[in-house]
Amino acid sequence: MVRRKTMLKGRISRIGRYAIASSITDQCITCTTFNILAPIYKRLSDDEDDIGRESDYRAYWLARNRRILDWLLREKSTIICLQEYWVGNEELVSMYEKRLGNAGYISFQLARTNNRGDGLLTAVHRDYFSIINHRDLLLNDFGDRVAQLLHVELVSPCFLNRSNNVRQEILIVNTHLLFPHDSTLCLVRLHQVYEILQNVESYQKEFELNPMPILLCGDWNGSKSGHVYKFLRSQGFVSSYDTAHQYTDDDAHKWVSHRNHRGNICGVDFIWLLNPNRYRKLLKTSWNETVFSLFKSLLRRASLTVKDAFTFLKVDSEGDYVTYSGFCEALRQLKLAGHRYGLSEKEMKDLWVQADIDGNGVLDYREFQQRIWYSEELDDGSIHDNDHLHDPVHDIQQAIGFSVKNAVLFPTEVEKGMWPEDYSLSDHARLTVVLSPVQMPCSKLIF
């Protein structure tokens, strides 16, 4: 039986210039995501020829990780998601487990596959949550990426729902996507997100879960201008930080959260929120549209006009149309297919079926324009897809979602798009959001 406790007053500490909203009520929860830069990757010099790593110097990595833990425990977020957690070092693992455990956290760790040395750590505070289930997601892809899925329930029912017995549950995902070393890896990163969302969907279907909020936390290694961002938006997810600050999808340079090994700064750390009242497209539909968007961007990057691009696709056709073989050949030439981590034969066929509007087996110029070149930008998931929704008249139910009350990045300079030279805790900023439960009507999805 779950032991019930009175929910502690949520708060985030005020340290230096760092502060979050002072009016955080008993009903709020807080979530922090932070890539803590594994010592095995941290260079001791900016010189690319210097192969020295922090992991070779115990005093360095131990002091830095103690400071990280001091910050996390002072902040007291109810959910903590860490990336580049050095699972390969027993002393560091023991330190995190002991200090988090003593502070009241239940923690789960997951190493990347093929002994890469680092991994993920997800911790939730036992005064706020009980664990219903958790799963390790091994993506088994290029880069050996993984994800964690936690299914939790609020220990203390919030005031919104004391009159009924609806359980206040949340799905939490923690992950770290592949770094985009070059543009050909964009499809790999999209595949990673697609597989994570497929796993979340399968989990909901397996246990016939009622609608509940989903939090996707982590280092997504891509900015708001990228295809991963557009893919998640098309599924109804919102960026908690941008929501709190009323930024639009076009405000890609308002903030940053990472300075990479090349010296570039960008915003890549997100806490995505999907509330149960958000209507979504079929996941497969969003995937196909995102790949078409990537396909189009690669064609445009080659400075092809719409007519040139159509000609490029119909290279093996004597008529004014594109055949399936010509379509597949174009995907291979653009490095979207034909290699281990490219599109599969089934995925290419699915794309072709969606592009061939009239189903006559060829793609004419009008279909190419409509489905690929001039297709509308991916929407934010607000359009109803009646193929996968219950009749809302007969299946409306109440669920608990979250509103974003506030969100902060530390160090504070990154909120203005600048990276402070004296920041040494990590090469990533720490993101914390404050969420408040709200009651909302929703329609249960059919998967």
Protein backbone atom coordinates (compact mmCIF):
# COMPACT_ATOMS: atom_id res chain seq x y z
CA MET A 1 0.00 0.00 0.00
CA VAL A 2 1.27 3.47 -0.86
CA ARG A 3 2.00 5.51 2.25
CA ARG A 4 0.33 8.91 1.96
CA LYS A 5 2.08 12.04 3.14
CA THR A 6 1.28 15.70 3.13
CA MET A 7 2.90 17.24 0.09
CA LEU A 8 5.89 19.37 1.01
CA LYS A 9 5.90 23.01 0.06
CA GLY A 10 7.62 23.19 -3.33
CA ARG A 11 10.39 25.74 -3.62
CA ILE A 12 13.54 26.50 -5.53
CA SER A 13 16.43 28.06 -3.72
CA ARG A 14 17.68 31.57 -4.29
CA ILE A 15 21.41 31.39 -4.91
CA GLY A 16 23.32 34.42 -6.10
CA ARG A 17 21.34 35.98 -8.93
CA TYR A 18 19.46 32.76 -9.57
CA ALA A 19 15.86 32.75 -8.47
CA ILE A 20 12.56 31.36 -9.58
CA ALA A 21 9.08 32.55 -8.74
CA SER A 22 8.68 33.26 -5.03
CA SER A 23 5.02 32.24 -4.98
CA ILE A 24 5.16 28.47 -5.42
CA THR A 25 2.19 26.80 -3.77
CA ASP A 26 1.82 23.47 -2.05
CA GLN A 27 0.28 22.09 -5.23
CA CYS A 28 3.27 22.72 -7.52
CA ILE A 29 5.94 20.26 -8.55
CA THR A 30 9.33 21.17 -9.99
CA CYS A 31 11.40 19.38 -12.60
CA THR A 32 15.09 19.86 -13.39
CA THR A 33 17.01 18.55 -16.38
CA PHE A 34 20.79 18.88 -16.51
CA ASN A 35 23.56 17.43 -18.67
CA ILE A 36 26.34 17.27 -16.09
CA LEU A 37 29.19 16.62 -18.57
CA ALA A 38 30.78 13.25 -17.85
CA PRO A 39 34.43 13.56 -16.75
CA ILE A 40 35.40 11.11 -19.50
CA TYR A 41 34.36 13.78 -22.03
CA LYS A 42 35.45 16.95 -20.24
CA ARG A 43 38.67 18.31 -21.73
CA LEU A 44 41.08 20.03 -19.39
CA SER A 45 42.09 22.39 -22.17
CA ASP A 46 40.34 24.04 -25.11
CA ASP A 47 43.22 22.84 -27.25
CA GLU A 48 41.85 20.08 -29.51
CA ASP A 49 45.27 18.39 -29.44
CA ASP A 50 45.20 18.11 -25.66
CA ILE A 51 43.77 14.65 -24.98
CA GLY A 52 43.73 15.09 -21.21
CA ARG A 53 40.37 14.44 -19.59
CA GLU A 54 38.99 15.35 -16.19
CA SER A 55 38.42 11.64 -15.49
CA ASP A 56 42.19 11.25 -15.06
CA TYR A 57 42.21 13.61 -12.09
CA ARG A 58 40.02 12.47 -9.18
CA ALA A 59 40.25 15.74 -7.27
CA TYR A 60 38.86 17.67 -10.27
CA TRP A 61 35.85 15.50 -11.11
CA LEU A 62 35.03 14.83 -7.47
CA ALA A 63 34.97 18.53 -6.55
CA ARG A 64 32.86 19.47 -9.57
CA ASN A 65 30.29 16.73 -8.99
CA ARG A 66 30.05 17.60 -5.32
CA ARG A 67 29.18 21.14 -6.37
CA ILE A 68 26.58 19.79 -8.80
CA LEU A 69 24.99 17.74 -6.05
CA ASP A 70 25.08 20.72 -3.66
CA TRP A 71 23.12 22.75 -6.22
CA LEU A 72 20.62 20.00 -6.92
CA LEU A 73 19.93 19.28 -3.26
CA ARG A 74 19.64 22.96 -2.41
CA GLU A 75 17.21 23.41 -5.28
CA LYS A 76 15.10 20.43 -4.14
CA SER A 77 13.31 19.75 -7.41
CA THR A 78 10.74 17.00 -7.11
CA ILE A 79 11.95 15.45 -10.39
CA ILE A 80 15.63 15.37 -11.42
CA CYS A 81 16.79 14.17 -14.86
CA LEU A 82 20.54 14.00 -15.47
CA GLN A 83 22.44 13.16 -18.65
CA GLU A 84 26.12 12.21 -19.12
CA TYR A 85 26.02 10.63 -15.67
CA TRP A 86 29.32 8.75 -15.24
CA VAL A 87 27.92 5.28 -14.57
CA GLY A 88 31.34 3.72 -15.18
CA ASN A 89 32.84 5.15 -11.97
CA GLU A 90 31.74 3.35 -8.80
CA GLU A 91 32.83 6.15 -6.47
CA LEU A 92 30.82 8.80 -8.31
CA VAL A 93 27.78 6.51 -8.56
CA SER A 94 27.96 5.75 -4.85
CA MET A 95 28.18 9.46 -4.01
CA TYR A 96 25.09 10.32 -6.05
CA GLU A 97 23.10 7.35 -4.75
CA LYS A 98 23.96 8.11 -1.12
CA ARG A 99 23.35 11.85 -1.18
CA LEU A 100 20.17 11.65 -3.24
CA GLY A 101 18.88 8.76 -1.14
CA ASN A 102 19.57 10.59 2.12
CA ALA A 103 17.69 13.61 0.73
CA GLY A 104 14.59 11.51 0.07
CA TYR A 105 14.97 10.66 -3.62
CA ILE A 106 14.25 7.38 -5.37
CA SER A 107 16.71 7.15 -8.25
CA PHE A 108 17.18 5.01 -11.34
CA GLN A 109 20.26 4.91 -13.54
CA LEU A 110 20.79 3.54 -17.03
CA ALA A 111 24.08 3.10 -18.88
CA ARG A 112 24.39 3.66 -22.61
CA THR A 113 24.82 0.46 -24.55
CA ASN A 114 28.21 -0.98 -25.57
CA ASN A 115 29.93 0.28 -22.41
CA ARG A 116 30.15 3.88 -23.49
CA GLY A 117 30.83 4.90 -19.86
CA ASP A 118 28.05 7.43 -19.29
CA GLY A 119 24.29 7.26 -19.11
CA LEU A 120 21.20 8.67 -17.45
CA LEU A 121 19.98 9.20 -13.91
CA THR A 122 16.36 9.98 -13.07
CA ALA A 123 15.30 10.70 -9.50
CA VAL A 124 11.93 11.56 -7.97
CA HIS A 125 11.25 12.65 -4.39
CA ARG A 126 9.39 10.06 -2.36
CA ASP A 127 7.45 12.74 -0.48
CA TYR A 128 5.83 13.69 -3.78
CA PHE A 129 5.70 10.50 -5.85
CA SER A 130 5.24 6.77 -5.64
CA ILE A 131 6.67 4.63 -8.42
CA ILE A 132 4.13 2.64 -10.41
CA ASN A 133 6.54 1.30 -13.01
CA HIS A 134 9.73 2.08 -14.86
CA ARG A 135 11.31 0.87 -18.07
CA ASP A 136 14.71 1.12 -19.69
CA LEU A 137 14.57 1.92 -23.39
CA LEU A 138 17.61 0.73 -25.35
CA LEU A 139 17.50 2.37 -28.76
CA ASN A 140 20.37 0.23 -30.14
CA ASP A 141 21.25 2.80 -32.75
CA PHE A 142 24.24 4.74 -33.96
CA GLY A 143 25.60 6.41 -30.82
CA ASP A 144 24.25 3.80 -28.37
CA ARG A 145 21.53 6.08 -27.04
CA VAL A 146 19.04 5.12 -24.33
CA ALA A 147 16.03 6.56 -22.52
CA GLN A 148 14.27 6.01 -19.21
CA LEU A 149 10.50 5.84 -18.77
CA LEU A 150 9.02 6.36 -15.30
CA HIS A 151 5.33 6.00 -14.50
CA VAL A 152 4.63 7.78 -11.22
CA GLU A 153 1.69 8.89 -9.11
CA LEU A 154 1.43 11.96 -6.90
CA VAL A 155 1.45 10.77 -3.30
CA SER A 156 -0.80 13.53 -2.01
CA PRO A 157 -3.96 14.14 -4.07
CA CYS A 158 -4.14 17.75 -5.16
CA PHE A 159 -7.05 19.90 -4.13
CA LEU A 160 -8.44 19.87 -7.66
CA ASN A 161 -9.38 16.26 -7.40
CA ARG A 162 -10.30 15.52 -3.80
CA SER A 163 -13.95 15.08 -4.73
CA ASN A 164 -13.28 12.02 -6.92
CA ASN A 165 -10.91 9.11 -7.24
CA VAL A 166 -9.02 9.91 -10.45
CA ARG A 167 -5.38 8.94 -9.93
CA GLN A 168 -2.90 11.73 -10.60
CA GLU A 169 -0.28 9.97 -12.67
CA ILE A 170 2.57 11.21 -14.87
CA LEU A 171 4.83 9.61 -17.45
CA ILE A 172 8.40 10.93 -17.24
CA VAL A 173 11.00 10.31 -19.94
CA ASN A 174 14.69 11.16 -19.63
CA THR A 175 16.99 10.93 -22.67
CA HIS A 176 20.06 12.28 -24.45
CA LEU A 177 19.99 12.32 -28.23
CA LEU A 178 22.92 11.92 -30.59
CA PHE A 179 25.09 14.97 -31.23
CA PRO A 180 24.63 16.19 -34.84
CA HIS A 181 28.24 15.84 -35.99
CA ASP A 182 26.97 16.40 -39.53
CA SER A 183 23.64 16.90 -41.28
CA THR A 184 23.35 13.24 -42.29
CA LEU A 185 22.71 12.35 -38.64
CA CYS A 186 19.48 14.37 -38.52
CA LEU A 187 17.50 11.31 -39.60
CA VAL A 188 19.16 9.20 -36.89
CA ARG A 189 18.06 11.70 -34.23
CA LEU A 190 14.53 11.72 -35.64
CA HIS A 191 14.50 7.92 -35.48
CA GLN A 192 15.56 8.12 -31.83
CA VAL A 193 12.65 10.38 -30.94
CA TYR A 194 10.24 8.31 -33.02
CA GLU A 195 11.27 5.13 -31.19
CA ILE A 196 10.90 6.82 -27.80
CA LEU A 197 7.40 8.02 -28.66
CA GLN A 198 6.51 4.57 -30.01
CA ASN A 199 7.60 3.06 -26.70
CA VAL A 200 5.54 5.58 -24.73
CA GLU A 201 2.52 4.86 -26.91
CA SER A 202 3.00 1.09 -26.57
CA TYR A 203 3.27 1.41 -22.80
CA GLN A 204 0.02 3.38 -22.62
CA LYS A 205 -1.69 0.81 -24.82
CA GLU A 206 -0.34 -2.19 -22.90
CA PHE A 207 -1.75 -0.99 -19.59
CA GLU A 208 -4.83 0.75 -21.07
CA LEU A 209 -3.88 3.93 -19.25
CA ASN A 210 -6.20 6.87 -18.81
CA PRO A 211 -4.99 10.18 -20.29
CA MET A 212 -2.19 11.71 -18.22
CA PRO A 213 0.56 14.33 -18.61
CA ILE A 214 3.81 13.30 -20.28
CA LEU A 215 7.13 15.01 -19.55
CA LEU A 216 10.03 14.50 -21.95
CA CYS A 217 13.24 15.76 -20.36
CA GLY A 218 16.81 15.87 -21.48
CA ASP A 219 19.51 17.01 -23.85
CA TRP A 220 17.96 16.89 -27.32
CA ASN A 221 21.11 18.10 -29.10
CA GLY A 222 19.04 20.21 -31.47
CA SER A 223 17.58 23.71 -31.43
CA LYS A 224 14.11 25.11 -32.02
CA SER A 225 14.90 25.46 -35.72
CA GLY A 226 15.52 21.72 -36.14
CA HIS A 227 13.36 18.85 -37.31
CA VAL A 228 13.25 17.09 -33.91
CA TYR A 229 11.67 20.21 -32.43
CA LYS A 230 9.09 20.34 -35.24
CA PHE A 231 8.34 16.64 -34.84
CA LEU A 232 7.59 16.97 -31.14
CA ARG A 233 5.50 20.09 -31.71
CA SER A 234 3.46 18.22 -34.32
CA GLN A 235 2.63 15.69 -31.61
CA GLY A 236 1.24 18.40 -29.31
CA PHE A 237 4.24 18.78 -26.99
CA VAL A 238 5.14 22.28 -25.80
CA SER A 239 8.50 23.54 -24.59
CA SER A 240 7.98 24.39 -20.92
CA TYR A 241 10.63 27.09 -20.89
CA ASP A 242 9.22 28.82 -23.97
CA THR A 243 5.69 28.54 -22.60
CA ALA A 244 6.72 30.18 -19.33
CA HIS A 245 8.37 33.07 -21.18
CA GLN A 246 5.73 33.31 -23.91
CA TYR A 247 8.25 32.66 -26.67
CA THR A 248 7.02 31.44 -30.04
CA ASP A 249 8.44 28.67 -32.20
CA ASP A 250 10.29 31.34 -34.17
CA ASP A 251 12.15 32.69 -31.11
CA ALA A 252 15.04 30.30 -31.61
CA HIS A 253 17.79 32.63 -30.35
CA LYS A 254 16.19 34.13 -27.26
CA TRP A 255 18.04 31.70 -25.01
CA VAL A 256 20.84 29.13 -25.09
CA SER A 257 21.68 26.16 -22.88
CA HIS A 258 24.86 24.63 -24.27
CA ARG A 259 28.32 25.56 -25.50
CA ASN A 260 29.57 22.59 -27.47
CA HIS A 261 33.13 21.40 -28.10
CA ARG A 262 33.25 23.54 -31.23
CA GLY A 263 32.57 26.69 -29.22
CA ASN A 264 29.05 27.15 -30.63
CA ILE A 265 26.21 28.12 -28.29
CA CYS A 266 22.62 27.01 -28.80
CA GLY A 267 19.47 26.01 -26.94
CA VAL A 268 19.22 22.21 -26.81
CA ASP A 269 17.91 21.31 -23.33
CA PHE A 270 14.15 20.96 -23.06
CA ILE A 271 11.43 19.82 -20.72
CA TRP A 272 8.57 18.99 -23.06
CA LEU A 273 5.02 18.83 -21.71
CA LEU A 274 2.08 17.04 -23.30
CA ASN A 275 -1.19 17.54 -21.47
CA PRO A 276 -3.98 14.94 -21.76
CA ASN A 277 -6.35 17.41 -23.43
CA ARG A 278 -4.08 17.86 -26.45
CA TYR A 279 -5.41 16.25 -29.61
CA ARG A 280 -2.68 14.62 -31.63
CA LYS A 281 -2.12 13.33 -35.09
CA LEU A 282 -1.32 9.70 -35.51
CA LEU A 283 2.34 9.25 -34.60
CA LYS A 284 3.06 7.64 -37.96
CA THR A 285 1.48 10.60 -39.77
CA SER A 286 3.68 13.06 -37.88
CA TRP A 287 6.72 10.93 -38.65
CA ASN A 288 6.01 10.86 -42.39
CA GLU A 289 5.41 14.62 -42.48
CA THR A 290 8.65 15.27 -40.62
CA VAL A 291 10.67 13.11 -43.03
CA PHE A 292 9.07 14.92 -45.98
CA SER A 293 10.07 18.20 -44.35
CA LEU A 294 13.66 16.95 -44.02
CA PHE A 295 13.57 15.70 -47.63
CA LYS A 296 12.42 19.13 -48.82
CA SER A 297 15.10 20.96 -46.83
CA LEU A 298 17.83 18.80 -48.38
CA LEU A 299 16.50 19.50 -51.88
CA ARG A 300 16.42 23.23 -51.16
CA ARG A 301 19.89 23.12 -49.64
CA ALA A 302 21.09 21.90 -53.04
CA SER A 303 19.64 25.15 -54.48
CA LEU A 304 17.08 23.26 -56.52
CA THR A 305 13.94 25.04 -57.68
CA VAL A 306 10.66 23.20 -57.50
CA LYS A 307 10.93 22.17 -61.15
CA ASP A 308 14.58 21.12 -60.77
CA ALA A 309 13.69 19.04 -57.73
CA PHE A 310 10.87 17.30 -59.58
CA THR A 311 13.24 16.54 -62.46
CA PHE A 312 15.77 15.17 -59.96
CA LEU A 313 13.15 12.71 -58.69
CA LYS A 314 11.96 11.53 -62.12
CA VAL A 315 15.42 10.70 -63.38
CA ASP A 316 14.39 7.15 -64.40
CA SER A 317 11.07 8.17 -65.93
CA GLU A 318 10.45 9.08 -69.57
CA GLY A 319 7.14 10.74 -68.72
CA ASP A 320 6.26 13.77 -66.61
CA TYR A 321 5.98 11.81 -63.40
CA VAL A 322 8.07 10.18 -60.66
CA THR A 323 8.17 6.41 -60.22
CA TYR A 324 8.64 4.65 -56.91
CA SER A 325 12.14 3.52 -57.93
CA GLY A 326 13.07 7.12 -58.82
CA PHE A 327 11.71 8.33 -55.50
CA CYS A 328 13.79 5.75 -53.60
CA GLU A 329 16.91 6.58 -55.61
CA ALA A 330 16.52 10.27 -54.70
CA LEU A 331 16.28 9.31 -51.01
CA ARG A 332 19.47 7.29 -51.35
CA GLN A 333 21.34 10.09 -53.11
CA LEU A 334 20.36 12.47 -50.32
CA LYS A 335 21.65 9.87 -47.81
CA LEU A 336 18.22 9.35 -46.28
CA ALA A 337 18.29 5.69 -47.30
CA GLY A 338 20.69 2.99 -48.44
CA HIS A 339 22.70 2.67 -45.23
CA ARG A 340 22.27 0.98 -41.87
CA TYR A 341 20.59 3.90 -40.11
CA GLY A 342 18.68 5.24 -43.09
CA LEU A 343 15.03 4.77 -43.95
CA SER A 344 13.91 1.16 -44.18
CA GLU A 345 12.12 -0.26 -47.21
CA LYS A 346 8.86 -0.16 -45.25
CA GLU A 347 9.38 3.47 -44.27
CA MET A 348 10.08 4.46 -47.87
CA LYS A 349 6.95 2.63 -48.99
CA ASP A 350 4.88 4.41 -46.33
CA LEU A 351 6.20 7.76 -47.54
CA TRP A 352 5.37 6.86 -51.11
CA VAL A 353 1.80 5.87 -50.23
CA GLN A 354 1.27 9.21 -48.51
CA ALA A 355 2.77 11.15 -51.43
CA ASP A 356 0.81 9.30 -54.13
CA ILE A 357 -2.50 11.00 -53.39
CA ASP A 358 -4.57 9.35 -56.11
CA GLY A 359 -2.94 5.95 -55.63
CA ASN A 360 -2.15 5.41 -59.30
CA GLY A 361 1.44 4.28 -58.65
CA VAL A 362 3.22 7.40 -59.89
CA LEU A 363 3.82 10.87 -58.51
CA ASP A 364 2.82 13.72 -60.80
CA TYR A 365 3.93 17.34 -60.53
CA ARG A 366 0.80 18.41 -58.63
CA GLU A 367 1.24 15.66 -56.02
CA PHE A 368 4.92 16.52 -55.63
CA GLN A 369 4.05 20.16 -54.99
CA GLN A 370 1.24 19.38 -52.60
CA ARG A 371 2.83 16.62 -50.55
CA ILE A 372 6.51 17.63 -50.55
CA TRP A 373 7.48 21.05 -51.87
CA TYR A 374 4.64 23.30 -50.77
CA SER A 375 3.30 21.22 -47.93
CA GLU A 376 2.19 23.25 -44.95
CA GLU A 377 4.53 23.52 -42.00
CA LEU A 378 3.94 20.94 -39.30
CA ASP A 379 1.20 22.16 -37.03
CA ASP A 380 1.30 22.18 -33.24
CA GLY A 381 -0.86 19.11 -32.85
CA SER A 382 -4.08 21.02 -32.29
CA ILE A 383 -5.78 19.63 -35.40
CA HIS A 384 -8.09 16.73 -34.63
CA ASP A 385 -7.36 13.44 -36.31
CA ASN A 386 -10.70 11.66 -36.17
CA ASP A 387 -9.12 8.37 -37.14
CA HIS A 388 -7.77 7.93 -33.62
CA LEU A 389 -10.16 9.77 -31.34
CA HIS A 390 -13.19 8.55 -29.46
CA ASP A 391 -16.44 10.37 -30.11
CA PRO A 392 -15.92 13.38 -27.78
CA VAL A 393 -19.65 13.57 -27.08
CA HIS A 394 -19.70 10.14 -25.48
CA ASP A 395 -16.22 9.80 -24.03
CA ILE A 396 -15.37 13.06 -22.29
CA GLN A 397 -13.63 12.47 -18.97
CA GLN A 398 -11.77 14.54 -16.43
CA ALA A 399 -8.01 14.33 -16.12
CA ILE A 400 -5.24 16.18 -14.33
CA GLY A 401 -2.80 18.11 -16.45
CA PHE A 402 -0.24 20.81 -15.70
CA SER A 403 0.12 24.49 -16.38
CA VAL A 404 3.62 25.95 -16.60
CA LYS A 405 4.02 28.48 -13.80
CA ASN A 406 7.66 29.40 -14.33
CA ALA A 407 10.94 28.20 -15.79
CA VAL A 408 14.54 29.28 -15.31
CA LEU A 409 17.94 28.48 -16.75
CA PHE A 410 21.16 28.72 -14.78
CA PRO A 411 23.54 30.46 -15.25
CA THR A 412 21.22 33.40 -15.79
CA GLU A 413 23.23 34.86 -18.68
CA VAL A 414 22.04 32.06 -20.97
CA GLU A 415 18.49 33.38 -20.70
CA LYS A 416 19.73 36.34 -22.75
CA GLY A 417 21.54 34.20 -25.31
CA MET A 418 25.02 34.63 -23.78
CA TRP A 419 27.45 32.10 -22.33
CA PRO A 420 29.45 33.24 -19.26
CA GLU A 421 33.15 32.46 -19.44
CA ASP A 422 33.41 31.88 -15.68
CA TYR A 423 30.81 29.08 -15.63
CA SER A 424 32.55 25.74 -15.00
CA LEU A 425 29.87 23.44 -13.60
CA SER A 426 29.16 21.89 -17.01
CA ASP A 427 29.01 22.77 -20.69
CA HIS A 428 25.21 22.80 -20.32
CA ALA A 429 22.92 25.07 -18.38
CA ARG A 430 20.50 23.65 -15.85
CA LEU A 431 16.80 24.00 -16.67
CA THR A 432 14.11 23.95 -13.98
CA VAL A 433 10.38 24.36 -14.50
CA VAL A 434 7.51 24.80 -12.05
CA LEU A 435 4.28 22.98 -12.90
CA SER A 436 0.89 23.40 -11.29
CA PRO A 437 -1.87 20.76 -11.60
CA VAL A 438 -5.06 21.75 -13.40
CA GLN A 439 -8.20 19.78 -14.07
CA MET A 440 -9.14 19.45 -17.72
CA PRO A 441 -11.63 17.55 -19.87
CA CYS A 442 -10.15 15.18 -22.40
CA SER A 443 -11.02 12.37 -24.79
CA LYS A 444 -9.26 9.06 -24.45
CA LEU A 445 -7.23 8.10 -27.53
CA ILE A 446 -7.55 4.88 -29.48
CA PHE A 447 -4.10 3.62 -30.46
